[in-house]
Amino acid sequence: MKQYKVTVNGTAYEITLEEIDANSVKNAPAASAPVNTPASNGEDETVVAPMPGNILDVKVQNGASVKKGDVLMILEAMKMENEIMAPVDGTVKSVNVTKGASVETGAVLCVIG
């Protein structure tokens, strides 16, 4: 096992990598995508722009109840429409963008509490 420090978009992460042989890779189960889990201690969940683009539509407003997976807004990036979905169940505490706004990667789109 080797430990590394990786910085992604200005945020540092410590990771541990395990060396394995080629045979064990062939028999390993497929990895699943990371799951964004809700904060169990009542903290707010900040939804950020995954990439730069333009907000085509805002589907929620302050005070709206949302379920995990509900579409919050549509972000156009590289001529593709991307649905920005709620990562957790909760109530929208603030919507920080409006239709037509231009956003950069990491910009706070809304906060769910």
N, C-alpha and C. Protein backbone atom coordinates (compact mmCIF):
# COMPACT_ATOMS: atom_id res chain seq x y z
N MET A 1 0.85 -1.17 0.00
CA MET A 1 0.00 0.00 0.00
C MET A 1 0.90 1.24 0.00
N LYS A 2 0.51 2.20 -0.84
CA LYS A 2 1.24 3.46 -0.89
C LYS A 2 0.24 4.59 -0.71
N GLN A 3 0.66 5.61 0.03
CA GLN A 3 -0.21 6.77 0.24
C GLN A 3 0.27 7.92 -0.63
N TYR A 4 -0.73 8.64 -1.20
CA TYR A 4 -0.45 9.78 -2.05
C TYR A 4 -1.36 10.93 -1.65
N LYS A 5 -0.92 12.13 -2.00
CA LYS A 5 -1.75 13.32 -1.83
C LYS A 5 -2.07 13.83 -3.23
N VAL A 6 -3.37 13.98 -3.55
CA VAL A 6 -3.80 14.42 -4.87
C VAL A 6 -4.62 15.69 -4.70
N THR A 7 -4.37 16.68 -5.55
CA THR A 7 -5.14 17.92 -5.51
C THR A 7 -6.00 18.00 -6.75
N VAL A 8 -7.34 18.15 -6.55
CA VAL A 8 -8.30 18.25 -7.63
C VAL A 8 -9.06 19.55 -7.47
N ASN A 9 -8.98 20.43 -8.46
CA ASN A 9 -9.66 21.73 -8.42
C ASN A 9 -9.38 22.48 -7.12
N GLY A 10 -8.14 22.41 -6.64
CA GLY A 10 -7.75 23.15 -5.45
C GLY A 10 -8.06 22.46 -4.13
N THR A 11 -8.68 21.29 -4.15
CA THR A 11 -8.98 20.55 -2.93
C THR A 11 -8.04 19.37 -2.83
N ALA A 12 -7.33 19.25 -1.69
CA ALA A 12 -6.37 18.17 -1.50
C ALA A 12 -7.06 16.94 -0.92
N TYR A 13 -6.72 15.77 -1.46
CA TYR A 13 -7.25 14.49 -0.98
C TYR A 13 -6.08 13.57 -0.70
N GLU A 14 -6.16 12.79 0.39
CA GLU A 14 -5.18 11.75 0.65
C GLU A 14 -5.77 10.44 0.19
N ILE A 15 -4.99 9.70 -0.61
CA ILE A 15 -5.48 8.41 -1.11
C ILE A 15 -4.46 7.33 -0.80
N THR A 16 -4.94 6.11 -0.72
CA THR A 16 -4.08 4.96 -0.53
C THR A 16 -4.30 4.02 -1.71
N LEU A 17 -3.20 3.60 -2.33
CA LEU A 17 -3.28 2.69 -3.47
C LEU A 17 -2.65 1.36 -3.10
N GLU A 18 -3.29 0.29 -3.53
CA GLU A 18 -2.79 -1.05 -3.27
C GLU A 18 -2.31 -1.63 -4.59
N GLU A 19 -1.10 -2.18 -4.58
CA GLU A 19 -0.59 -2.84 -5.77
C GLU A 19 -1.19 -4.23 -5.86
N ILE A 20 -1.67 -4.59 -7.07
CA ILE A 20 -2.23 -5.92 -7.28
C ILE A 20 -1.65 -6.50 -8.56
N ASP A 21 -1.75 -7.80 -8.71
CA ASP A 21 -1.23 -8.40 -9.93
C ASP A 21 -2.30 -8.38 -11.02
N ALA A 22 -1.91 -8.61 -12.25
CA ALA A 22 -2.81 -8.53 -13.40
C ALA A 22 -3.93 -9.55 -13.33
N ASN A 23 -3.71 -10.72 -12.76
CA ASN A 23 -4.75 -11.76 -12.68
C ASN A 23 -5.91 -11.35 -11.78
N SER A 24 -5.64 -10.65 -10.70
CA SER A 24 -6.72 -10.27 -9.79
C SER A 24 -7.58 -9.17 -10.39
N VAL A 25 -7.05 -8.38 -11.32
CA VAL A 25 -7.84 -7.34 -11.97
C VAL A 25 -8.90 -7.96 -12.86
N LYS A 26 -8.58 -9.04 -13.56
CA LYS A 26 -9.53 -9.69 -14.46
C LYS A 26 -10.72 -10.27 -13.70
N ASN A 27 -10.52 -10.70 -12.46
CA ASN A 27 -11.57 -11.34 -11.69
C ASN A 27 -12.28 -10.38 -10.74
N ALA A 28 -11.85 -9.15 -10.69
CA ALA A 28 -12.44 -8.19 -9.76
C ALA A 28 -13.79 -7.71 -10.27
N PRO A 29 -14.75 -7.45 -9.37
CA PRO A 29 -16.04 -6.90 -9.81
C PRO A 29 -15.87 -5.47 -10.30
N ALA A 30 -16.77 -5.05 -11.18
CA ALA A 30 -16.71 -3.69 -11.71
C ALA A 30 -16.95 -2.68 -10.60
N ALA A 31 -16.21 -1.59 -10.63
CA ALA A 31 -16.37 -0.54 -9.62
C ALA A 31 -17.59 0.30 -9.95
N SER A 32 -18.27 0.74 -8.93
CA SER A 32 -19.43 1.60 -9.15
C SER A 32 -19.03 3.06 -8.98
N ALA A 33 -19.84 3.95 -9.49
CA ALA A 33 -19.56 5.38 -9.38
C ALA A 33 -19.66 5.81 -7.93
N PRO A 34 -18.90 6.83 -7.52
CA PRO A 34 -18.99 7.31 -6.15
C PRO A 34 -20.38 7.86 -5.85
N VAL A 35 -20.82 7.66 -4.64
CA VAL A 35 -22.15 8.11 -4.24
C VAL A 35 -22.00 9.33 -3.35
N ASN A 36 -22.77 10.36 -3.66
CA ASN A 36 -22.75 11.58 -2.85
C ASN A 36 -23.74 11.39 -1.72
N THR A 37 -23.25 11.10 -0.51
CA THR A 37 -24.13 10.81 0.60
C THR A 37 -24.50 12.08 1.36
N PRO A 38 -25.71 12.14 1.89
CA PRO A 38 -26.12 13.33 2.62
C PRO A 38 -25.39 13.43 3.94
N ALA A 39 -25.22 14.64 4.41
CA ALA A 39 -24.60 14.86 5.71
C ALA A 39 -25.58 14.43 6.79
N SER A 40 -25.16 13.50 7.64
CA SER A 40 -26.07 12.97 8.65
C SER A 40 -26.20 13.87 9.86
N ASN A 41 -25.36 14.89 9.95
CA ASN A 41 -25.41 15.76 11.11
C ASN A 41 -26.19 17.05 10.86
N GLY A 42 -27.03 17.06 9.84
CA GLY A 42 -27.89 18.22 9.61
C GLY A 42 -27.22 19.36 8.87
N GLU A 43 -26.04 19.15 8.33
CA GLU A 43 -25.36 20.23 7.59
C GLU A 43 -26.02 20.43 6.24
N ASP A 44 -25.83 21.64 5.71
CA ASP A 44 -26.37 21.95 4.38
C ASP A 44 -25.52 21.29 3.31
N GLU A 45 -26.15 20.95 2.20
CA GLU A 45 -25.47 20.37 1.04
C GLU A 45 -25.38 21.44 -0.03
N THR A 46 -24.17 21.79 -0.43
CA THR A 46 -23.96 22.80 -1.46
C THR A 46 -23.86 22.11 -2.82
N VAL A 47 -24.65 22.58 -3.78
CA VAL A 47 -24.62 22.03 -5.13
C VAL A 47 -23.79 23.00 -5.98
N VAL A 48 -22.72 22.49 -6.59
CA VAL A 48 -21.83 23.33 -7.38
C VAL A 48 -21.84 22.93 -8.85
N ALA A 49 -21.42 23.84 -9.69
CA ALA A 49 -21.35 23.58 -11.14
C ALA A 49 -20.21 22.59 -11.40
N PRO A 50 -20.50 21.48 -12.08
CA PRO A 50 -19.45 20.50 -12.37
C PRO A 50 -18.52 20.94 -13.50
N MET A 51 -18.96 21.97 -14.27
CA MET A 51 -18.18 22.45 -15.41
C MET A 51 -18.65 23.86 -15.74
N PRO A 52 -17.87 24.63 -16.47
CA PRO A 52 -18.34 25.96 -16.87
C PRO A 52 -19.46 25.85 -17.90
N GLY A 53 -20.37 26.81 -17.87
CA GLY A 53 -21.46 26.80 -18.83
C GLY A 53 -22.48 27.89 -18.55
N ASN A 54 -23.64 27.77 -19.17
CA ASN A 54 -24.73 28.74 -19.01
C ASN A 54 -25.95 28.04 -18.42
N ILE A 55 -26.63 28.71 -17.52
CA ILE A 55 -27.84 28.16 -16.92
C ILE A 55 -29.00 28.40 -17.89
N LEU A 56 -29.56 27.30 -18.43
CA LEU A 56 -30.67 27.40 -19.37
C LEU A 56 -32.01 27.51 -18.65
N ASP A 57 -32.13 26.84 -17.49
CA ASP A 57 -33.40 26.84 -16.77
C ASP A 57 -33.15 26.53 -15.31
N VAL A 58 -33.91 27.19 -14.44
CA VAL A 58 -33.88 26.91 -13.00
C VAL A 58 -35.24 26.34 -12.64
N LYS A 59 -35.26 25.11 -12.16
CA LYS A 59 -36.51 24.39 -11.90
C LYS A 59 -37.01 24.50 -10.46
N VAL A 60 -36.19 25.07 -9.56
CA VAL A 60 -36.58 25.17 -8.15
C VAL A 60 -36.48 26.61 -7.67
N GLN A 61 -37.08 26.85 -6.52
CA GLN A 61 -36.97 28.18 -5.89
C GLN A 61 -36.74 27.98 -4.40
N ASN A 62 -36.40 29.04 -3.71
CA ASN A 62 -36.17 28.97 -2.27
C ASN A 62 -37.38 28.38 -1.57
N GLY A 63 -37.13 27.46 -0.65
CA GLY A 63 -38.20 26.85 0.12
C GLY A 63 -38.80 25.60 -0.49
N ALA A 64 -38.41 25.26 -1.71
CA ALA A 64 -38.97 24.08 -2.39
C ALA A 64 -38.41 22.81 -1.74
N SER A 65 -39.28 21.81 -1.59
CA SER A 65 -38.84 20.49 -1.11
C SER A 65 -38.37 19.69 -2.31
N VAL A 66 -37.21 19.05 -2.16
CA VAL A 66 -36.66 18.24 -3.25
C VAL A 66 -36.28 16.86 -2.72
N LYS A 67 -36.32 15.90 -3.61
CA LYS A 67 -35.89 14.53 -3.31
C LYS A 67 -34.60 14.28 -4.07
N LYS A 68 -33.77 13.40 -3.54
CA LYS A 68 -32.53 13.04 -4.22
C LYS A 68 -32.84 12.63 -5.65
N GLY A 69 -32.15 13.24 -6.63
CA GLY A 69 -32.36 12.93 -8.04
C GLY A 69 -33.27 13.88 -8.76
N ASP A 70 -33.99 14.75 -8.03
CA ASP A 70 -34.83 15.76 -8.68
C ASP A 70 -33.96 16.72 -9.47
N VAL A 71 -34.44 17.16 -10.63
CA VAL A 71 -33.69 18.12 -11.44
C VAL A 71 -33.84 19.51 -10.83
N LEU A 72 -32.71 20.13 -10.52
CA LEU A 72 -32.70 21.46 -9.93
C LEU A 72 -32.61 22.53 -11.01
N MET A 73 -31.77 22.27 -12.00
CA MET A 73 -31.56 23.24 -13.09
C MET A 73 -30.89 22.54 -14.26
N ILE A 74 -30.89 23.25 -15.39
CA ILE A 74 -30.25 22.74 -16.61
C ILE A 74 -29.05 23.63 -16.91
N LEU A 75 -27.89 22.99 -17.07
CA LEU A 75 -26.64 23.69 -17.36
C LEU A 75 -26.21 23.31 -18.77
N GLU A 76 -26.07 24.31 -19.65
CA GLU A 76 -25.57 24.04 -21.00
C GLU A 76 -24.06 24.21 -21.00
N ALA A 77 -23.37 23.16 -21.46
CA ALA A 77 -21.92 23.21 -21.56
C ALA A 77 -21.53 22.47 -22.83
N MET A 78 -20.73 23.09 -23.65
CA MET A 78 -20.26 22.50 -24.91
C MET A 78 -21.44 22.01 -25.77
N LYS A 79 -22.47 22.83 -25.85
CA LYS A 79 -23.67 22.57 -26.65
C LYS A 79 -24.45 21.34 -26.19
N MET A 80 -24.25 20.93 -24.94
CA MET A 80 -25.01 19.82 -24.37
C MET A 80 -25.75 20.32 -23.14
N GLU A 81 -26.98 19.84 -22.97
CA GLU A 81 -27.77 20.21 -21.80
C GLU A 81 -27.53 19.17 -20.71
N ASN A 82 -27.09 19.64 -19.54
CA ASN A 82 -26.79 18.77 -18.41
C ASN A 82 -27.77 19.05 -17.28
N GLU A 83 -28.44 18.01 -16.81
CA GLU A 83 -29.36 18.17 -15.69
C GLU A 83 -28.55 18.17 -14.40
N ILE A 84 -28.72 19.20 -13.60
CA ILE A 84 -28.09 19.27 -12.29
C ILE A 84 -29.13 18.76 -11.30
N MET A 85 -28.83 17.64 -10.64
CA MET A 85 -29.81 16.98 -9.79
C MET A 85 -29.49 17.14 -8.31
N ALA A 86 -30.53 17.05 -7.50
CA ALA A 86 -30.38 17.14 -6.05
C ALA A 86 -29.60 15.92 -5.55
N PRO A 87 -28.51 16.15 -4.80
CA PRO A 87 -27.74 15.03 -4.28
C PRO A 87 -28.37 14.41 -3.03
N VAL A 88 -29.30 15.12 -2.39
CA VAL A 88 -29.94 14.67 -1.15
C VAL A 88 -31.39 15.12 -1.11
N ASP A 89 -32.17 14.51 -0.23
CA ASP A 89 -33.51 15.00 0.07
C ASP A 89 -33.36 16.24 0.95
N GLY A 90 -34.26 17.20 0.80
CA GLY A 90 -34.21 18.37 1.67
C GLY A 90 -35.03 19.52 1.14
N THR A 91 -34.74 20.68 1.69
CA THR A 91 -35.42 21.92 1.31
C THR A 91 -34.39 22.86 0.72
N VAL A 92 -34.72 23.49 -0.40
CA VAL A 92 -33.81 24.44 -1.03
C VAL A 92 -33.72 25.68 -0.15
N LYS A 93 -32.52 25.93 0.37
CA LYS A 93 -32.32 27.10 1.24
C LYS A 93 -31.99 28.35 0.44
N SER A 94 -31.26 28.16 -0.66
CA SER A 94 -30.96 29.32 -1.51
C SER A 94 -30.66 28.86 -2.92
N VAL A 95 -31.09 29.67 -3.89
CA VAL A 95 -30.77 29.46 -5.29
C VAL A 95 -29.87 30.63 -5.66
N ASN A 96 -28.64 30.32 -6.05
CA ASN A 96 -27.63 31.36 -6.24
C ASN A 96 -27.41 31.77 -7.69
N VAL A 97 -28.20 31.22 -8.62
CA VAL A 97 -28.07 31.57 -10.04
C VAL A 97 -29.45 31.83 -10.63
N THR A 98 -29.45 32.50 -11.77
CA THR A 98 -30.70 32.77 -12.48
C THR A 98 -30.56 32.27 -13.91
N LYS A 99 -31.69 32.10 -14.58
CA LYS A 99 -31.71 31.67 -15.97
C LYS A 99 -30.87 32.65 -16.80
N GLY A 100 -30.00 32.11 -17.64
CA GLY A 100 -29.15 32.93 -18.49
C GLY A 100 -27.78 33.25 -17.89
N ALA A 101 -27.58 32.91 -16.61
CA ALA A 101 -26.31 33.21 -15.95
C ALA A 101 -25.20 32.32 -16.51
N SER A 102 -24.00 32.87 -16.54
CA SER A 102 -22.82 32.12 -16.93
C SER A 102 -22.08 31.72 -15.65
N VAL A 103 -21.70 30.44 -15.54
CA VAL A 103 -21.02 29.97 -14.32
C VAL A 103 -19.72 29.28 -14.65
N GLU A 104 -18.83 29.28 -13.70
CA GLU A 104 -17.55 28.59 -13.82
C GLU A 104 -17.60 27.30 -13.02
N THR A 105 -16.68 26.39 -13.26
CA THR A 105 -16.58 25.16 -12.49
C THR A 105 -16.48 25.49 -11.01
N GLY A 106 -17.28 24.82 -10.18
CA GLY A 106 -17.23 25.04 -8.74
C GLY A 106 -18.11 26.15 -8.22
N ALA A 107 -18.76 26.89 -9.12
CA ALA A 107 -19.65 27.97 -8.67
C ALA A 107 -20.82 27.36 -7.91
N VAL A 108 -21.21 27.99 -6.80
CA VAL A 108 -22.34 27.51 -6.00
C VAL A 108 -23.63 27.81 -6.73
N LEU A 109 -24.37 26.74 -7.07
CA LEU A 109 -25.63 26.90 -7.78
C LEU A 109 -26.79 27.04 -6.80
N CYS A 110 -26.81 26.18 -5.77
CA CYS A 110 -27.84 26.27 -4.75
C CYS A 110 -27.39 25.54 -3.50
N VAL A 111 -28.14 25.74 -2.42
CA VAL A 111 -27.85 25.08 -1.15
C VAL A 111 -29.12 24.36 -0.71
N ILE A 112 -28.96 23.10 -0.32
CA ILE A 112 -30.09 22.29 0.17
C ILE A 112 -29.82 21.95 1.63
N GLY A 113 -30.84 22.14 2.45
CA GLY A 113 -30.67 21.86 3.88
C GLY A 113 -31.65 20.85 4.37
